[in-house]
Protein backbone atom coordinates (compact mmCIF):
# COMPACT_ATOMS: atom_id res chain seq x y z
CA MET A 1 -21.46 -11.72 15.63
CA PRO A 2 -18.87 -9.93 17.87
CA TYR A 3 -15.69 -11.80 19.11
CA ASN A 4 -15.63 -13.00 22.60
CA ARG A 5 -11.72 -14.54 23.26
CA ALA A 6 -12.26 -14.34 26.99
CA GLY A 7 -15.19 -16.69 27.41
CA ASN A 8 -18.18 -16.97 30.00
CA ASP A 9 -16.16 -18.47 32.46
CA LEU A 10 -13.96 -15.09 32.93
CA LYS A 11 -17.46 -12.77 32.88
CA GLU A 12 -18.69 -15.11 36.08
CA LYS A 13 -15.45 -14.32 38.10
CA ASN A 14 -14.46 -10.68 36.93
CA ASN A 15 -16.56 -7.77 36.15
CA MET A 16 -13.81 -5.73 34.36
CA LYS A 17 -15.16 -5.71 30.50
CA ILE A 18 -13.57 -3.82 27.75
CA LEU A 19 -14.81 -3.17 24.46
CA ILE A 20 -12.38 -3.16 21.58
CA THR A 21 -13.36 -1.51 17.83
CA GLY A 22 -11.55 -1.76 14.89
CA SER A 23 -10.93 -5.58 16.44
CA GLU A 24 -9.57 -7.14 13.26
CA GLY A 25 -6.89 -4.71 12.67
CA GLN A 26 -3.46 -5.35 13.89
CA LEU A 27 -3.79 -3.58 17.15
CA GLY A 28 -7.83 -5.01 17.47
CA TRP A 29 -6.09 -8.68 17.22
CA GLU A 30 -3.55 -8.60 20.07
CA LEU A 31 -5.86 -6.81 22.18
CA LEU A 32 -8.51 -10.08 21.93
CA ARG A 33 -5.70 -12.27 21.89
CA GLN A 34 -3.71 -10.77 25.61
CA ALA A 35 -6.86 -9.56 27.00
CA PRO A 36 -7.40 -12.86 29.32
CA PHE A 37 -4.02 -12.71 30.81
CA PHE A 38 -4.86 -9.71 32.10
CA ASN A 39 -8.37 -11.55 33.60
CA MET A 40 -10.44 -9.56 31.45
CA GLU A 41 -13.50 -10.15 29.61
CA ALA A 42 -12.87 -8.72 25.84
CA VAL A 43 -15.41 -7.91 23.13
CA GLY A 44 -14.26 -7.19 19.40
CA LEU A 45 -16.08 -5.18 17.29
CA ASP A 46 -15.58 -4.45 13.39
CA LEU A 47 -17.06 -3.95 10.11
CA PRO A 48 -20.17 -4.95 9.29
CA TYR A 49 -21.07 -5.37 12.45
CA LEU A 50 -20.30 -2.18 13.87
CA ASP A 51 -19.36 1.22 12.22
CA ILE A 52 -18.30 3.97 14.12
CA THR A 53 -19.38 6.64 12.00
CA VAL A 54 -22.64 5.69 12.24
CA GLU A 55 -23.85 7.18 15.76
CA PRO A 56 -26.74 5.12 16.33
CA GLY A 57 -25.05 1.89 15.73
CA VAL A 58 -22.44 3.28 18.40
CA ILE A 59 -25.35 3.44 20.88
CA GLU A 60 -26.63 -0.22 20.38
CA ALA A 61 -23.13 -1.47 20.76
CA PHE A 62 -23.02 0.18 24.63
CA LYS A 63 -26.31 -0.43 25.40
CA GLU A 64 -25.82 -4.43 24.14
CA HIS A 65 -22.37 -4.90 25.18
CA LYS A 66 -22.28 -2.72 28.84
CA PRO A 67 -18.23 -2.12 29.12
CA ASP A 68 -16.42 -0.39 31.65
CA ILE A 69 -13.91 0.69 29.22
CA LEU A 70 -13.64 1.31 25.53
CA ILE A 71 -10.20 0.85 23.72
CA ASN A 72 -10.60 2.17 20.23
CA ALA A 73 -8.63 0.75 17.82
CA ALA A 74 -10.08 1.39 14.53
CA ALA A 75 -8.59 3.80 12.10
CA TYR A 76 -8.40 4.82 8.15
CA THR A 77 -4.83 4.03 7.91
CA ASN A 78 -4.30 3.97 4.06
CA VAL A 79 -2.21 7.34 4.50
CA ASP A 80 -1.78 7.78 0.28
CA LYS A 81 -5.78 6.31 -0.50
CA ALA A 82 -6.50 9.11 2.15
CA GLU A 83 -5.40 12.00 -0.03
CA THR A 84 -7.80 11.83 -2.12
CA ASP A 85 -10.26 9.56 -0.45
CA GLU A 86 -10.58 12.38 2.62
CA LYS A 87 -14.18 12.62 3.39
CA ALA A 88 -14.17 8.59 4.32
CA CYS A 89 -10.95 9.13 5.82
CA PHE A 90 -12.40 12.11 8.21
CA ALA A 91 -15.23 10.03 8.81
CA VAL A 92 -13.30 7.06 10.56
CA ASN A 93 -10.57 8.94 12.18
CA VAL A 94 -12.57 12.15 13.19
CA ASN A 95 -16.19 11.47 13.72
CA GLY A 96 -15.73 7.95 14.46
CA PRO A 97 -14.07 8.83 17.91
CA GLU A 98 -16.12 11.80 18.35
CA ASN A 99 -19.45 9.04 18.71
CA LEU A 100 -17.56 6.69 20.69
CA ALA A 101 -16.43 9.41 23.02
CA ALA A 102 -20.00 10.42 23.45
CA ALA A 103 -20.89 7.23 24.14
CA CYS A 104 -18.46 6.40 26.72
CA ARG A 105 -19.25 10.22 28.47
CA ASN A 106 -23.42 9.07 28.60
CA ALA A 107 -21.85 5.81 30.36
CA GLU A 108 -19.66 7.03 32.52
CA ILE A 109 -16.71 5.11 31.59
CA PRO A 110 -13.17 6.27 30.05
CA MET A 111 -11.40 5.59 26.67
CA ILE A 112 -8.30 4.87 25.23
CA HIS A 113 -7.81 6.13 21.63
CA ILE A 114 -4.77 5.33 19.70
CA SER A 115 -3.05 8.06 18.00
CA THR A 116 0.09 8.69 15.67
CA ASP A 117 3.48 10.33 15.05
CA TYR A 118 1.53 11.74 11.85
CA VAL A 119 0.20 14.28 13.62
CA PHE A 120 3.98 15.79 13.57
CA ASP A 121 4.97 17.71 10.82
CA GLY A 122 8.86 15.44 11.06
CA THR A 123 10.59 18.91 11.20
CA ASN A 124 12.61 17.88 14.78
CA ASN A 125 15.77 16.07 15.56
CA ILE A 126 14.58 15.02 18.89
CA PRO A 127 12.08 12.77 20.03
CA TYR A 128 8.57 14.22 19.89
CA THR A 129 7.18 14.89 23.55
CA GLU A 130 3.26 14.70 24.08
CA ASN A 131 3.28 18.72 24.65
CA ASP A 132 5.30 19.66 20.89
CA PRO A 133 2.61 21.44 18.87
CA VAL A 134 0.97 19.25 16.25
CA ALA A 135 1.44 19.97 12.36
CA PRO A 136 0.03 17.69 10.46
CA ALA A 137 1.22 17.40 6.75
CA SER A 138 -0.93 14.78 5.38
CA VAL A 139 -5.22 14.15 5.44
CA TYR A 140 -4.14 11.43 7.27
CA GLY A 141 -2.13 13.30 9.88
CA ARG A 142 -4.47 16.50 10.32
CA SER A 143 -7.72 13.35 10.56
CA LYS A 144 -5.84 11.65 13.27
CA ALA A 145 -4.92 15.23 15.13
CA GLU A 146 -9.11 16.50 15.27
CA GLY A 147 -9.54 13.12 16.41
CA GLU A 148 -7.84 13.56 18.94
CA ASN A 149 -8.98 16.99 19.79
CA GLY A 150 -12.54 15.12 19.10
CA VAL A 151 -11.72 13.06 22.03
CA ARG A 152 -10.24 15.31 24.63
CA ASN A 153 -13.30 17.80 24.00
CA ILE A 154 -16.23 15.45 24.23
CA LEU A 155 -15.28 12.98 26.95
CA GLU A 156 -12.62 13.92 30.13
CA LYS A 157 -11.60 10.43 31.44
CA HIS A 158 -9.62 9.38 28.16
CA ILE A 159 -6.26 8.02 26.92
CA ILE A 160 -4.97 8.73 23.43
CA LEU A 161 -2.00 6.99 22.88
CA ARG A 162 0.28 7.68 19.98
CA THR A 163 2.24 5.13 17.99
CA SER A 164 4.76 4.81 15.16
CA TRP A 165 5.26 2.15 12.67
CA LEU A 166 3.25 -0.19 13.45
CA TYR A 167 3.95 -3.98 12.48
CA GLY A 168 2.59 -7.33 13.59
CA VAL A 169 1.58 -10.91 13.53
CA HIS A 170 -1.62 -10.15 11.84
CA GLY A 171 -2.99 -8.40 9.38
CA HIS A 172 -0.81 -6.09 6.20
CA ASN A 173 2.53 -4.53 7.86
CA PHE A 174 5.95 -3.47 6.38
CA VAL A 175 7.76 -6.22 8.26
CA LYS A 176 5.28 -8.78 6.34
CA THR A 177 6.02 -6.51 2.52
CA ILE A 178 9.86 -7.27 3.25
CA LEU A 179 9.51 -10.76 4.81
CA LYS A 180 7.85 -11.36 1.15
CA LEU A 181 10.08 -9.68 -1.06
CA GLY A 182 12.71 -11.03 0.75
CA LYS A 183 11.56 -14.60 -0.96
CA GLU A 184 11.85 -12.92 -4.65
CA LYS A 185 13.99 -10.43 -5.09
CA GLU A 186 17.83 -10.26 -4.73
CA VAL A 187 17.74 -6.32 -4.59
CA ILE A 188 15.10 -4.02 -2.65
CA GLY A 189 15.01 -0.46 -2.36
CA VAL A 190 14.11 1.07 0.93
CA VAL A 191 13.80 4.81 1.78
CA SER A 192 16.72 5.49 4.11
CA ASP A 193 16.01 9.36 5.13
CA GLN A 194 12.89 8.86 7.10
CA PHE A 195 13.84 8.27 10.44
CA GLY A 196 11.37 6.41 13.43
CA SER A 197 10.70 4.08 15.95
CA PRO A 198 9.02 0.71 14.77
CA THR A 199 6.33 -0.31 16.91
CA SER A 200 5.49 -4.13 17.71
CA ALA A 201 1.69 -4.78 18.13
CA ALA A 202 1.90 -7.30 20.74
CA ASP A 203 3.66 -4.74 22.79
CA LEU A 204 1.00 -2.01 22.23
CA ALA A 205 -1.69 -4.20 23.03
CA GLU A 206 -0.10 -5.33 26.52
CA THR A 207 0.84 -1.59 27.58
CA VAL A 208 -3.03 -0.68 26.50
CA LEU A 209 -4.18 -3.57 28.60
CA ILE A 210 -1.83 -2.76 31.46
CA ILE A 211 -3.28 1.00 31.75
CA ALA A 212 -6.89 -0.60 31.09
CA SER A 213 -6.15 -2.33 33.92
CA ARG A 214 -4.81 0.43 36.02
CA ILE A 215 -7.51 2.71 35.17
CA LEU A 216 -9.98 -0.05 36.49
CA THR A 217 -8.27 -0.68 39.58
CA PHE A 218 -6.99 3.02 40.69
CA TYR A 219 -9.41 5.23 39.03
CA GLU A 220 -8.93 8.27 41.33
CA GLY A 221 -5.30 7.79 40.74
CA ILE A 222 -4.76 8.18 36.75
CA THR A 223 -3.36 11.05 34.95
CA PHE A 224 -5.34 10.65 31.93
CA GLY A 225 -4.81 12.74 28.71
CA THR A 226 -2.00 12.04 25.79
CA TYR A 227 0.83 9.44 26.07
CA ASN A 228 3.65 8.63 23.47
CA TYR A 229 4.66 4.34 23.08
CA CYS A 230 6.75 3.37 20.42
CA GLY A 231 9.66 0.95 20.45
CA GLU A 232 12.89 1.81 21.87
CA GLY A 233 15.18 3.27 19.91
CA ILE A 234 15.58 5.06 16.39
CA THR A 235 16.22 3.87 12.76
CA SER A 236 15.34 4.06 9.20
CA TRP A 237 13.32 2.38 7.04
CA HIS A 238 16.10 0.86 5.73
CA GLY A 239 17.85 0.47 8.30
CA PHE A 240 14.61 -1.68 9.71
CA ALA A 241 14.22 -3.47 6.62
CA GLU A 242 17.71 -4.49 6.88
CA LYS A 243 16.83 -5.95 10.60
CA ILE A 244 13.91 -7.83 8.96
CA ILE A 245 16.37 -9.12 6.50
CA GLU A 246 18.69 -10.35 8.35
CA THR A 247 16.55 -11.64 10.99
CA ALA A 248 14.58 -13.90 8.59
CA LYS A 249 17.39 -15.94 7.19
CA GLN A 250 17.33 -17.54 10.45
CA TYR A 251 14.33 -19.56 10.10
CA ALA A 252 13.93 -19.59 6.01
CA PRO A 253 15.79 -19.09 2.38
CA VAL A 254 16.17 -15.55 1.92
CA VAL A 255 17.30 -14.27 -1.92
CA THR A 256 17.87 -10.53 -0.92
CA THR A 257 21.41 -9.73 -0.98
CA GLN A 258 21.30 -6.29 -0.94
CA VAL A 259 18.97 -3.81 0.67
CA LYS A 260 19.32 -0.39 -1.31
CA PRO A 261 18.97 2.80 0.40
CA LEU A 262 16.66 5.24 -1.22
CA THR A 263 16.39 8.88 -0.81
CA THR A 264 12.77 10.08 -0.31
CA GLU A 265 13.04 12.06 -3.88
CA GLU A 266 14.07 8.67 -5.76
CA TYR A 267 10.74 6.80 -3.95
CA PRO A 268 8.35 9.30 -4.39
CA THR A 269 4.94 8.52 -2.98
CA LYS A 270 1.61 10.79 -2.84
CA VAL A 271 2.35 11.75 0.24
CA ARG A 272 4.53 13.79 2.38
CA ARG A 273 5.91 11.29 4.91
CA PRO A 274 7.50 12.55 8.16
CA ALA A 275 11.68 12.71 8.08
CA PHE A 276 11.69 12.31 11.45
CA SER A 277 8.88 11.27 13.97
CA ALA A 278 10.32 9.24 17.01
CA LEU A 279 8.99 9.39 20.58
CA ASP A 280 9.55 10.69 23.52
CA CYS A 281 8.13 7.86 25.56
CA SER A 282 9.28 8.87 29.63
CA ARG A 283 5.85 10.49 30.28
CA ILE A 284 4.30 6.79 30.25
CA GLN A 285 7.16 5.50 32.04
CA GLN A 286 7.02 7.94 35.01
CA ASN A 287 3.30 7.78 35.69
CA PHE A 288 2.21 3.74 34.60
CA GLY A 289 6.00 2.52 34.57
CA ILE A 290 5.69 0.90 31.49
CA ILE A 291 9.49 0.86 29.69
CA PRO A 292 9.57 0.37 25.90
CA LYS A 293 11.26 -2.91 24.27
CA PRO A 294 14.03 -2.39 22.12
CA TRP A 295 12.58 -2.33 18.65
CA GLN A 296 15.29 -5.05 17.68
CA LYS A 297 14.01 -7.51 20.09
CA SER A 298 10.60 -7.40 19.37
CA LEU A 299 10.92 -7.64 15.77
CA GLU A 300 12.57 -10.44 16.45
CA ALA A 301 9.87 -11.95 18.53
CA VAL A 302 7.66 -11.22 15.55
CA ILE A 303 9.25 -12.73 13.21
CA GLU A 304 10.45 -15.65 14.67
CA THR A 305 6.24 -16.16 15.38
CA ILE A 306 5.42 -15.42 11.95
CA TYR A 307 7.60 -18.67 10.77
CA SER A 308 6.35 -20.45 13.97
CA CYS A 309 2.52 -19.93 12.46
CA LYS A 310 4.01 -21.20 8.99
CA ASN A 311 5.47 -24.30 10.39
């Protein structure tokens, strides 16, 4: 059954209803957790109850739940596996958003769609703006870029929100991997020549819900289109890992004594990842008044929550 954290009482008080696809992921979980704080009724759908690549199922979900706005947090995110699983990747990241956008158009409701820094090739040396040309260097990146275009071409009233280096309390992510390794290995090797901006799923969810609330309240005054949102500040994966280990030591024993910097060549993967993928978030600040939080502070909050839940 779909997950409805807001409950029937809220539905009686407020007409604002959001449908969240990909509700079992890092972001979807946070959206469901935070939606009641915005006085919204939230319905979350994910596999096996909804496969966004199957159009009849999407149509049926809209008929059943009649949302006022859709937030699409569903995606194929296994960047390495996508290189050999291109058909499935494009089905989820292109056909899925297109099905959702068409359903939103037919229902005459807006859509917030989550995208990624991987639509860029990583050759910039300054943060990417929304107007920079996309040039994805991977199957995953191409699928997300085409998914963006599908949403733009089908649905006029949309927000495409690009983010980067997502992590959170729920699900699998880089932070949890480093925390696990910190309890097991004295030396951890992490790539030091790829740079970007870590983004807390909790911060991103709050941003998405602020935008959704503004759309539902001030529909005609909204500037729809593409926006960037990520944590404030730029670091490498190595710097990110060092901060994770440093913070974890406040809450539990850590055996790691060194985070060893590696070059991309020393840590080969199936796909070429962007060497620099920081995002310029000035447009979202200008149009929505949303100011990203420093990534270090958000990381500390997430790690504190992870250890609080364990205890």
